[in-house]
Amino acid sequence: MRLDPEEIEDFIERALEEDIGRGDLTTNVTIAEDAVFRAAMVARQDIVVCGIDIAMQTFATMVADFDGAPKVADGERAAKGTVLATVSGNARAILATERTALNILQHLSGIATEVRKYVDAVEGTGATMIDTRKTIPTLRNLAKYASFIGGARNHRIRLDDGVLIKDNHIAAAGSLTATVERAKRATPVLTVIEVECDTLEQVAEAADCGVDMILLDNMDADLMRKAVGIVASRCRIECSGGVRLDTVREKAESGVDFISSGRMTQSAPAVDIGLDFLD
């Protein structure tokens, strides 16, 4: 997944404005105007790095004489104590920018680190981890980017990216078959149509309708294996619901193609990264 440079520039400007306001009062009254500051961004735990270039761009936006050197790239594993980047320039500007840059790097690396745990957990099963739309509002693309960097594939970025028919769509349209038929008539041939199924009966009906994907919702591993048998490779299968690190391997071994989890983006904790002064 690629990020839009203009979108990132706008995001950084809004993030800085949110934190700095009319100026960094503490720094401005304690640090000489011409002071120079040199520091290192250091991982304080084992992480998967994500957002290092955005963090450096954040510093560069504020620090006119900024000199930065990233030591790692997005997607790399970094052990506790690893220097992720060095930064130098006007002390007032760097200290005013520090929190915003670290927040971005900590949040995105937190998602990438959490995603990598799930990706590692299903390795060798043939199943692929995918993300969801369970993200912080206005940060969707960044969260999806971090998920991609962590090793997952992206599901829909937005509602206009594909057709995912859920229980309320079926209830409003009258039946699963009627909903799918209407979707097929109204969407381009290259648009994927996926149907969420709660029961094996729905799985059989959806497969018979010729959908592109079936989403098994909140099924245990035994039911999922039965669903895989019913589908018999007629379409791809995704599972969701109850997906945790302690359950994801069993679900992956059921034979599904994809496993989606909102926990990877919605509940990922920020990682610990600090900015340490260098002599």
C-alpha atoms as a PDB file:
ATOM      1  CA  MET A   1       0.000   0.000   0.000  1.00  0.00           C
ATOM      2  CA  ARG A   2       1.282   3.473  -0.915  1.00  0.00           C
ATOM      3  CA  LEU A   3       0.434   6.629   0.962  1.00  0.00           C
ATOM      4  CA  ASP A   4      -0.510   9.865  -0.794  1.00  0.00           C
ATOM      5  CA  PRO A   5       2.313  12.417  -0.194  1.00  0.00           C
ATOM      6  CA  GLU A   6      -0.145  15.328  -0.164  1.00  0.00           C
ATOM      7  CA  GLU A   7      -2.332  13.534   2.365  1.00  0.00           C
ATOM      8  CA  ILE A   8       0.683  12.910   4.609  1.00  0.00           C
ATOM      9  CA  GLU A   9       1.777  16.527   4.358  1.00  0.00           C
ATOM     10  CA  ASP A  10      -1.692  17.701   5.358  1.00  0.00           C
ATOM     11  CA  PHE A  11      -1.821  15.177   8.213  1.00  0.00           C
ATOM     12  CA  ILE A  12       1.523  16.348   9.601  1.00  0.00           C
ATOM     13  CA  GLU A  13       0.494  19.996   9.468  1.00  0.00           C
ATOM     14  CA  ARG A  14      -2.752  19.277  11.313  1.00  0.00           C
ATOM     15  CA  ALA A  15      -0.978  17.117  13.899  1.00  0.00           C
ATOM     16  CA  LEU A  16       1.595  19.822  14.610  1.00  0.00           C
ATOM     17  CA  GLU A  17      -1.039  22.525  14.848  1.00  0.00           C
ATOM     18  CA  GLU A  18      -3.034  20.398  17.280  1.00  0.00           C
ATOM     19  CA  ASP A  19      -0.081  20.012  19.651  1.00  0.00           C
ATOM     20  CA  ILE A  20       1.866  23.257  19.340  1.00  0.00           C
ATOM     21  CA  GLY A  21      -0.941  25.792  19.185  1.00  0.00           C
ATOM     22  CA  ARG A  22       0.535  29.295  19.402  1.00  0.00           C
ATOM     23  CA  GLY A  23       3.983  27.955  20.336  1.00  0.00           C
ATOM     24  CA  ASP A  24       5.879  25.732  22.772  1.00  0.00           C
ATOM     25  CA  LEU A  25       5.802  27.991  25.836  1.00  0.00           C
ATOM     26  CA  THR A  26       8.100  25.818  27.975  1.00  0.00           C
ATOM     27  CA  THR A  27      10.811  25.506  25.350  1.00  0.00           C
ATOM     28  CA  ASN A  28      10.643  29.151  24.320  1.00  0.00           C
ATOM     29  CA  VAL A  29      11.208  30.429  27.859  1.00  0.00           C
ATOM     30  CA  THR A  30      13.951  27.952  28.791  1.00  0.00           C
ATOM     31  CA  ILE A  31      16.025  27.337  25.645  1.00  0.00           C
ATOM     32  CA  ALA A  32      18.186  29.895  23.845  1.00  0.00           C
ATOM     33  CA  GLU A  33      16.889  30.856  20.435  1.00  0.00           C
ATOM     34  CA  ASP A  34      20.068  29.728  18.662  1.00  0.00           C
ATOM     35  CA  ALA A  35      20.675  26.520  20.657  1.00  0.00           C
ATOM     36  CA  VAL A  36      21.314  23.314  18.722  1.00  0.00           C
ATOM     37  CA  PHE A  37      19.962  19.940  19.777  1.00  0.00           C
ATOM     38  CA  ARG A  38      21.084  16.486  18.650  1.00  0.00           C
ATOM     39  CA  ALA A  39      19.245  13.341  19.681  1.00  0.00           C
ATOM     40  CA  ALA A  40      18.480   9.735  18.809  1.00  0.00           C
ATOM     41  CA  MET A  41      15.110   8.031  18.497  1.00  0.00           C
ATOM     42  CA  VAL A  42      15.536   4.751  20.361  1.00  0.00           C
ATOM     43  CA  ALA A  43      13.298   1.689  20.603  1.00  0.00           C
ATOM     44  CA  ARG A  44      12.652   0.838  24.239  1.00  0.00           C
ATOM     45  CA  GLN A  45      11.133  -2.532  23.387  1.00  0.00           C
ATOM     46  CA  ASP A  46      11.265  -5.010  20.500  1.00  0.00           C
ATOM     47  CA  ILE A  47       9.179  -3.569  17.656  1.00  0.00           C
ATOM     48  CA  VAL A  48       8.346  -3.692  13.968  1.00  0.00           C
ATOM     49  CA  VAL A  49       9.135  -0.228  12.659  1.00  0.00           C
ATOM     50  CA  CYS A  50       6.477   1.763  10.840  1.00  0.00           C
ATOM     51  CA  GLY A  51       6.253   5.480  10.180  1.00  0.00           C
ATOM     52  CA  ILE A  52       9.953   6.339  10.423  1.00  0.00           C
ATOM     53  CA  ASP A  53       9.880   8.464   7.265  1.00  0.00           C
ATOM     54  CA  ILE A  54       6.712  10.243   8.401  1.00  0.00           C
ATOM     55  CA  ALA A  55       8.335  11.003  11.755  1.00  0.00           C
ATOM     56  CA  MET A  56      11.401  12.423  10.004  1.00  0.00           C
ATOM     57  CA  GLN A  57       9.190  14.479   7.687  1.00  0.00           C
ATOM     58  CA  THR A  58       7.423  15.841  10.761  1.00  0.00           C
ATOM     59  CA  PHE A  59      10.729  17.127  12.140  1.00  0.00           C
ATOM     60  CA  ALA A  60      11.728  18.518   8.745  1.00  0.00           C
ATOM     61  CA  THR A  61       8.444  20.435   8.536  1.00  0.00           C
ATOM     62  CA  MET A  62       9.235  22.387  11.703  1.00  0.00           C
ATOM     63  CA  VAL A  63      13.039  22.492  11.824  1.00  0.00           C
ATOM     64  CA  ALA A  64      14.519  24.785   9.176  1.00  0.00           C
ATOM     65  CA  ASP A  65      18.069  23.477   9.662  1.00  0.00           C
ATOM     66  CA  PHE A  66      16.995  19.885  10.228  1.00  0.00           C
ATOM     67  CA  ASP A  67      19.504  17.110   9.658  1.00  0.00           C
ATOM     68  CA  GLY A  68      18.079  13.619  10.068  1.00  0.00           C
ATOM     69  CA  ALA A  69      19.373  10.148   9.362  1.00  0.00           C
ATOM     70  CA  PRO A  70      17.022   7.163   9.635  1.00  0.00           C
ATOM     71  CA  LYS A  71      18.861   3.989  10.636  1.00  0.00           C
ATOM     72  CA  VAL A  72      16.024   1.557   9.876  1.00  0.00           C
ATOM     73  CA  ALA A  73      13.256   1.213   7.303  1.00  0.00           C
ATOM     74  CA  ASP A  74       9.548   0.515   7.672  1.00  0.00           C
ATOM     75  CA  GLY A  75       8.923  -3.200   8.097  1.00  0.00           C
ATOM     76  CA  GLU A  76      12.205  -3.978   9.833  1.00  0.00           C
ATOM     77  CA  ARG A  77      12.273  -5.622  13.234  1.00  0.00           C
ATOM     78  CA  ALA A  78      14.162  -3.512  15.771  1.00  0.00           C
ATOM     79  CA  ALA A  79      15.301  -4.906  19.099  1.00  0.00           C
ATOM     80  CA  LYS A  80      15.100  -2.971  22.342  1.00  0.00           C
ATOM     81  CA  GLY A  81      17.870  -0.357  22.399  1.00  0.00           C
ATOM     82  CA  THR A  82      18.084   0.033  18.614  1.00  0.00           C
ATOM     83  CA  VAL A  83      18.711   3.569  17.365  1.00  0.00           C
ATOM     84  CA  LEU A  84      15.965   4.162  14.819  1.00  0.00           C
ATOM     85  CA  ALA A  85      17.170   7.570  13.662  1.00  0.00           C
ATOM     86  CA  THR A  86      19.263  10.563  14.664  1.00  0.00           C
ATOM     87  CA  VAL A  87      17.997  14.139  14.468  1.00  0.00           C
ATOM     88  CA  SER A  88      19.710  17.493  14.869  1.00  0.00           C
ATOM     89  CA  GLY A  89      18.901  21.130  14.375  1.00  0.00           C
ATOM     90  CA  ASN A  90      17.477  24.100  16.226  1.00  0.00           C
ATOM     91  CA  ALA A  91      16.719  22.972  19.759  1.00  0.00           C
ATOM     92  CA  ARG A  92      13.487  24.913  20.131  1.00  0.00           C
ATOM     93  CA  ALA A  93      12.059  23.488  16.912  1.00  0.00           C
ATOM     94  CA  ILE A  94      13.095  19.899  17.634  1.00  0.00           C
ATOM     95  CA  LEU A  95      11.716  19.939  21.180  1.00  0.00           C
ATOM     96  CA  ALA A  96       8.446  21.473  19.973  1.00  0.00           C
ATOM     97  CA  THR A  97       8.108  18.709  17.378  1.00  0.00           C
ATOM     98  CA  GLU A  98       9.275  15.785  19.535  1.00  0.00           C
ATOM     99  CA  ARG A  99       5.919  14.635  20.890  1.00  0.00           C
ATOM    100  CA  THR A 100       4.080  14.757  17.568  1.00  0.00           C
ATOM    101  CA  ALA A 101       6.813  12.843  15.728  1.00  0.00           C
ATOM    102  CA  LEU A 102       7.041  10.213  18.458  1.00  0.00           C
ATOM    103  CA  ASN A 103       3.263   9.825  18.689  1.00  0.00           C
ATOM    104  CA  ILE A 104       3.079   9.042  14.980  1.00  0.00           C
ATOM    105  CA  LEU A 105       5.974   6.585  15.087  1.00  0.00           C
ATOM    106  CA  GLN A 106       4.757   4.886  18.273  1.00  0.00           C
ATOM    107  CA  HIS A 107       1.195   4.475  17.025  1.00  0.00           C
ATOM    108  CA  LEU A 108       2.046   3.137  13.569  1.00  0.00           C
ATOM    109  CA  SER A 109       4.823   0.891  14.872  1.00  0.00           C
ATOM    110  CA  GLY A 110       2.396  -0.386  17.493  1.00  0.00           C
ATOM    111  CA  ILE A 111      -0.017  -1.525  14.797  1.00  0.00           C
ATOM    112  CA  ALA A 112       2.746  -3.052  12.669  1.00  0.00           C
ATOM    113  CA  THR A 113       4.163  -4.862  15.695  1.00  0.00           C
ATOM    114  CA  GLU A 114       0.780  -6.294  16.664  1.00  0.00           C
ATOM    115  CA  VAL A 115      -0.019  -7.340  13.102  1.00  0.00           C
ATOM    116  CA  ARG A 116       3.310  -9.142  12.764  1.00  0.00           C
ATOM    117  CA  LYS A 117       2.426 -11.284  15.802  1.00  0.00           C
ATOM    118  CA  TYR A 118      -0.708 -12.524  14.025  1.00  0.00           C
ATOM    119  CA  VAL A 119       1.111 -13.014  10.731  1.00  0.00           C
ATOM    120  CA  ASP A 120       3.779 -15.067  12.480  1.00  0.00           C
ATOM    121  CA  ALA A 121       1.119 -17.083  14.303  1.00  0.00           C
ATOM    122  CA  VAL A 122      -0.511 -18.314  11.059  1.00  0.00           C
ATOM    123  CA  GLU A 123       2.697 -18.877   9.117  1.00  0.00           C
ATOM    124  CA  GLY A 124       2.646 -22.113   7.145  1.00  0.00           C
ATOM    125  CA  THR A 125      -1.139 -22.612   7.287  1.00  0.00           C
ATOM    126  CA  GLY A 126      -1.945 -21.068   3.903  1.00  0.00           C
ATOM    127  CA  ALA A 127      -4.188 -18.460   5.535  1.00  0.00           C
ATOM    128  CA  THR A 128      -3.546 -14.735   5.101  1.00  0.00           C
ATOM    129  CA  MET A 129      -4.221 -12.106   7.759  1.00  0.00           C
ATOM    130  CA  ILE A 130      -6.260  -9.121   6.562  1.00  0.00           C
ATOM    131  CA  ASP A 131      -7.287  -5.962   8.369  1.00  0.00           C
ATOM    132  CA  THR A 132     -10.709  -4.327   8.845  1.00  0.00           C
ATOM    133  CA  ARG A 133     -12.253  -0.850   8.910  1.00  0.00           C
ATOM    134  CA  LYS A 134     -11.973  -0.782  12.707  1.00  0.00           C
ATOM    135  CA  THR A 135      -9.584   2.149  12.861  1.00  0.00           C
ATOM    136  CA  ILE A 136      -9.451   5.547  14.546  1.00  0.00           C
ATOM    137  CA  PRO A 137     -11.579   7.961  12.466  1.00  0.00           C
ATOM    138  CA  THR A 138      -9.499  10.097  10.054  1.00  0.00           C
ATOM    139  CA  LEU A 139      -6.463   7.788  10.508  1.00  0.00           C
ATOM    140  CA  ARG A 140      -7.754   4.949   8.291  1.00  0.00           C
ATOM    141  CA  ASN A 141      -5.095   5.112   5.591  1.00  0.00           C
ATOM    142  CA  LEU A 142      -2.258   5.324   8.097  1.00  0.00           C
ATOM    143  CA  ALA A 143      -3.602   2.344  10.044  1.00  0.00           C
ATOM    144  CA  LYS A 144      -4.037   0.348   6.853  1.00  0.00           C
ATOM    145  CA  TYR A 145      -0.495   1.253   5.825  1.00  0.00           C
ATOM    146  CA  ALA A 146       0.835   0.080   9.191  1.00  0.00           C
ATOM    147  CA  SER A 147      -1.128  -3.153   8.831  1.00  0.00           C
ATOM    148  CA  PHE A 148       0.402  -3.712   5.392  1.00  0.00           C
ATOM    149  CA  ILE A 149       3.879  -3.009   6.752  1.00  0.00           C
ATOM    150  CA  GLY A 150       3.202  -5.523   9.519  1.00  0.00           C
ATOM    151  CA  GLY A 151       2.609  -8.214   6.906  1.00  0.00           C
ATOM    152  CA  ALA A 152      -1.185  -8.309   6.522  1.00  0.00           C
ATOM    153  CA  ARG A 153      -3.148  -7.627   3.360  1.00  0.00           C
ATOM    154  CA  ASN A 154      -5.679  -4.832   3.255  1.00  0.00           C
ATOM    155  CA  HIS A 155      -9.415  -5.509   3.151  1.00  0.00           C
ATOM    156  CA  ARG A 156     -11.681  -2.640   2.061  1.00  0.00           C
ATOM    157  CA  ILE A 157     -10.103   0.750   2.671  1.00  0.00           C
ATOM    158  CA  ARG A 158     -13.520   2.415   2.406  1.00  0.00           C
ATOM    159  CA  LEU A 159     -17.098   1.378   1.778  1.00  0.00           C
ATOM    160  CA  ASP A 160     -16.734   2.087  -1.938  1.00  0.00           C
ATOM    161  CA  ASP A 161     -13.958  -0.500  -2.401  1.00  0.00           C
ATOM    162  CA  GLY A 162     -16.139  -3.584  -2.638  1.00  0.00           C
ATOM    163  CA  VAL A 163     -19.453  -5.234  -1.798  1.00  0.00           C
ATOM    164  CA  LEU A 164     -19.742  -6.892   1.614  1.00  0.00           C
ATOM    165  CA  ILE A 165     -23.292  -8.041   2.236  1.00  0.00           C
ATOM    166  CA  LYS A 166     -24.117  -8.355   5.949  1.00  0.00           C
ATOM    167  CA  ASP A 167     -27.135  -9.518   7.927  1.00  0.00           C
ATOM    168  CA  ASN A 168     -28.873  -6.133   7.886  1.00  0.00           C
ATOM    169  CA  HIS A 169     -28.531  -5.894   4.097  1.00  0.00           C
ATOM    170  CA  ILE A 170     -30.122  -9.331   3.775  1.00  0.00           C
ATOM    171  CA  ALA A 171     -32.908  -8.415   6.184  1.00  0.00           C
ATOM    172  CA  ALA A 172     -33.699  -5.231   4.275  1.00  0.00           C
ATOM    173  CA  ALA A 173     -33.560  -6.894   0.836  1.00  0.00           C
ATOM    174  CA  GLY A 174     -35.635  -9.931   1.795  1.00  0.00           C
ATOM    175  CA  SER A 175     -33.241 -12.864   1.347  1.00  0.00           C
ATOM    176  CA  LEU A 176     -29.611 -13.723   0.826  1.00  0.00           C
ATOM    177  CA  THR A 177     -30.179 -14.860  -2.751  1.00  0.00           C
ATOM    178  CA  ALA A 178     -32.168 -11.746  -3.643  1.00  0.00           C
ATOM    179  CA  THR A 179     -29.475  -9.510  -2.153  1.00  0.00           C
ATOM    180  CA  VAL A 180     -26.696 -11.216  -4.101  1.00  0.00           C
ATOM    181  CA  GLU A 181     -28.650 -11.116  -7.364  1.00  0.00           C
ATOM    182  CA  ARG A 182     -29.293  -7.409  -6.943  1.00  0.00           C
ATOM    183  CA  ALA A 183     -25.595  -6.802  -6.185  1.00  0.00           C
ATOM    184  CA  LYS A 184     -24.512  -8.734  -9.282  1.00  0.00           C
ATOM    185  CA  ARG A 185     -26.790  -6.679 -11.526  1.00  0.00           C
ATOM    186  CA  ALA A 186     -25.628  -3.368 -10.116  1.00  0.00           C
ATOM    187  CA  THR A 187     -21.850  -3.749  -9.770  1.00  0.00           C
ATOM    188  CA  PRO A 188     -19.028  -3.935 -12.338  1.00  0.00           C
ATOM    189  CA  VAL A 189     -17.788  -7.427 -13.159  1.00  0.00           C
ATOM    190  CA  LEU A 190     -14.417  -6.836 -11.475  1.00  0.00           C
ATOM    191  CA  THR A 191     -16.012  -5.823  -8.168  1.00  0.00           C
ATOM    192  CA  VAL A 192     -15.718  -8.506  -5.503  1.00  0.00           C
ATOM    193  CA  ILE A 193     -18.986  -9.556  -3.864  1.00  0.00           C
ATOM    194  CA  GLU A 194     -18.642 -11.038  -0.391  1.00  0.00           C
ATOM    195  CA  VAL A 195     -21.417 -12.306   1.880  1.00  0.00           C
ATOM    196  CA  GLU A 196     -21.278 -12.603   5.648  1.00  0.00           C
ATOM    197  CA  CYS A 197     -22.714 -15.915   6.883  1.00  0.00           C
ATOM    198  CA  ASP A 198     -23.676 -16.896  10.416  1.00  0.00           C
ATOM    199  CA  THR A 199     -24.855 -20.446   9.691  1.00  0.00           C
ATOM    200  CA  LEU A 200     -23.880 -23.360   7.483  1.00  0.00           C
ATOM    201  CA  GLU A 201     -27.205 -23.022   5.679  1.00  0.00           C
ATOM    202  CA  GLN A 202     -26.269 -19.482   4.674  1.00  0.00           C
ATOM    203  CA  VAL A 203     -22.830 -20.705   3.587  1.00  0.00           C
ATOM    204  CA  ALA A 204     -24.424 -23.242   1.248  1.00  0.00           C
ATOM    205  CA  GLU A 205     -26.847 -20.651  -0.161  1.00  0.00           C
ATOM    206  CA  ALA A 206     -24.102 -18.073  -0.717  1.00  0.00           C
ATOM    207  CA  ALA A 207     -21.845 -20.599  -2.453  1.00  0.00           C
ATOM    208  CA  ASP A 208     -24.718 -21.675  -4.688  1.00  0.00           C
ATOM    209  CA  CYS A 209     -25.270 -18.008  -5.635  1.00  0.00           C
ATOM    210  CA  GLY A 210     -21.757 -17.793  -7.032  1.00  0.00           C
ATOM    211  CA  VAL A 211     -20.364 -15.115  -4.724  1.00  0.00           C
ATOM    212  CA  ASP A 212     -16.656 -14.281  -4.831  1.00  0.00           C
ATOM    213  CA  MET A 213     -16.060 -14.577  -1.102  1.00  0.00           C
ATOM    214  CA  ILE A 214     -17.834 -15.802   2.002  1.00  0.00           C
ATOM    215  CA  LEU A 215     -17.208 -14.335   5.430  1.00  0.00           C
ATOM    216  CA  LEU A 216     -17.695 -16.819   8.266  1.00  0.00           C
ATOM    217  CA  ASP A 217     -18.864 -14.699  11.176  1.00  0.00           C
ATOM    218  CA  ASN A 218     -18.102 -15.813  14.735  1.00  0.00           C
ATOM    219  CA  MET A 219     -17.865 -19.508  13.914  1.00  0.00           C
ATOM    220  CA  ASP A 220     -15.689 -21.859  15.922  1.00  0.00           C
ATOM    221  CA  ALA A 221     -13.010 -23.948  14.204  1.00  0.00           C
ATOM    222  CA  ASP A 222     -15.233 -27.053  13.887  1.00  0.00           C
ATOM    223  CA  LEU A 223     -17.998 -25.135  12.104  1.00  0.00           C
ATOM    224  CA  MET A 224     -15.425 -23.419   9.927  1.00  0.00           C
ATOM    225  CA  ARG A 225     -14.057 -26.756   8.758  1.00  0.00           C
ATOM    226  CA  LYS A 226     -17.583 -27.839   7.828  1.00  0.00           C
ATOM    227  CA  ALA A 227     -18.109 -24.580   5.951  1.00  0.00           C
ATOM    228  CA  VAL A 228     -14.892 -25.121   4.010  1.00  0.00           C
ATOM    229  CA  GLY A 229     -16.195 -28.525   2.987  1.00  0.00           C
ATOM    230  CA  ILE A 230     -19.532 -27.104   1.860  1.00  0.00           C
ATOM    231  CA  VAL A 231     -17.889 -24.402  -0.242  1.00  0.00           C
ATOM    232  CA  ALA A 232     -15.564 -26.958  -1.827  1.00  0.00           C
ATOM    233  CA  SER A 233     -13.276 -24.314  -3.376  1.00  0.00           C
ATOM    234  CA  ARG A 234     -16.131 -22.576  -5.224  1.00  0.00           C
ATOM    235  CA  CYS A 235     -15.064 -19.244  -3.708  1.00  0.00           C
ATOM    236  CA  ARG A 236     -12.589 -17.824  -1.244  1.00  0.00           C
ATOM    237  CA  ILE A 237     -13.394 -17.885   2.453  1.00  0.00           C
ATOM    238  CA  GLU A 238     -12.684 -15.312   5.140  1.00  0.00           C
ATOM    239  CA  CYS A 239     -13.340 -15.741   8.844  1.00  0.00           C
ATOM    240  CA  SER A 240     -13.829 -13.072  11.466  1.00  0.00           C
ATOM    241  CA  GLY A 241     -14.965 -12.813  15.065  1.00  0.00           C
ATOM    242  CA  GLY A 242     -13.236 -14.194  18.132  1.00  0.00           C
ATOM    243  CA  VAL A 243      -9.861 -13.837  16.439  1.00  0.00           C
ATOM    244  CA  ARG A 244      -7.151 -13.483  19.062  1.00  0.00           C
ATOM    245  CA  LEU A 245      -3.527 -14.516  19.236  1.00  0.00           C
ATOM    246  CA  ASP A 246      -4.511 -17.608  21.214  1.00  0.00           C
ATOM    247  CA  THR A 247      -7.189 -18.646  18.688  1.00  0.00           C
ATOM    248  CA  VAL A 248      -5.882 -17.496  15.315  1.00  0.00           C
ATOM    249  CA  ARG A 249      -3.741 -20.567  14.584  1.00  0.00           C
ATOM    250  CA  GLU A 250      -6.633 -22.986  15.088  1.00  0.00           C
ATOM    251  CA  LYS A 251      -8.842 -20.868  12.857  1.00  0.00           C
ATOM    252  CA  ALA A 252      -6.148 -20.719  10.193  1.00  0.00           C
ATOM    253  CA  GLU A 253      -5.814 -24.502  10.192  1.00  0.00           C
ATOM    254  CA  SER A 254      -9.520 -24.895   9.360  1.00  0.00           C
ATOM    255  CA  GLY A 255      -8.746 -24.268   5.686  1.00  0.00           C
ATOM    256  CA  VAL A 256      -9.957 -20.671   5.274  1.00  0.00           C
ATOM    257  CA  ASP A 257      -8.142 -18.331   2.919  1.00  0.00           C
ATOM    258  CA  PHE A 258      -8.267 -15.138   4.970  1.00  0.00           C
ATOM    259  CA  ILE A 259      -8.585 -14.188   8.630  1.00  0.00           C
ATOM    260  CA  SER A 260      -9.627 -10.661   9.541  1.00  0.00           C
ATOM    261  CA  SER A 261      -9.177  -9.092  12.937  1.00  0.00           C
ATOM    262  CA  GLY A 262     -10.105  -5.625  14.123  1.00  0.00           C
ATOM    263  CA  ARG A 263      -7.894  -6.133  17.172  1.00  0.00           C
ATOM    264  CA  MET A 264      -4.784  -5.639  15.048  1.00  0.00           C
ATOM    265  CA  THR A 265      -5.637  -2.004  14.322  1.00  0.00           C
ATOM    266  CA  GLN A 266      -8.304  -1.053  16.860  1.00  0.00           C
ATOM    267  CA  SER A 267      -6.613  -2.413  19.983  1.00  0.00           C
ATOM    268  CA  ALA A 268      -2.914  -2.332  19.141  1.00  0.00           C
ATOM    269  CA  PRO A 269      -0.951  -0.623  21.937  1.00  0.00           C
ATOM    270  CA  ALA A 270       1.522   2.089  21.036  1.00  0.00           C
ATOM    271  CA  VAL A 271       5.115   0.927  21.370  1.00  0.00           C
ATOM    272  CA  ASP A 272       7.694   2.650  23.567  1.00  0.00           C
ATOM    273  CA  ILE A 273      10.116   4.865  21.642  1.00  0.00           C
ATOM    274  CA  GLY A 274      12.116   7.699  23.166  1.00  0.00           C
ATOM    275  CA  LEU A 275      14.093  10.708  21.989  1.00  0.00           C
ATOM    276  CA  ASP A 276      17.434  10.675  23.824  1.00  0.00           C
ATOM    277  CA  PHE A 277      19.842  13.609  23.917  1.00  0.00           C
ATOM    278  CA  LEU A 278      23.250  13.016  22.330  1.00  0.00           C
ATOM    279  CA  ASP A 279      26.337  14.862  23.550  1.00  0.00           C
END
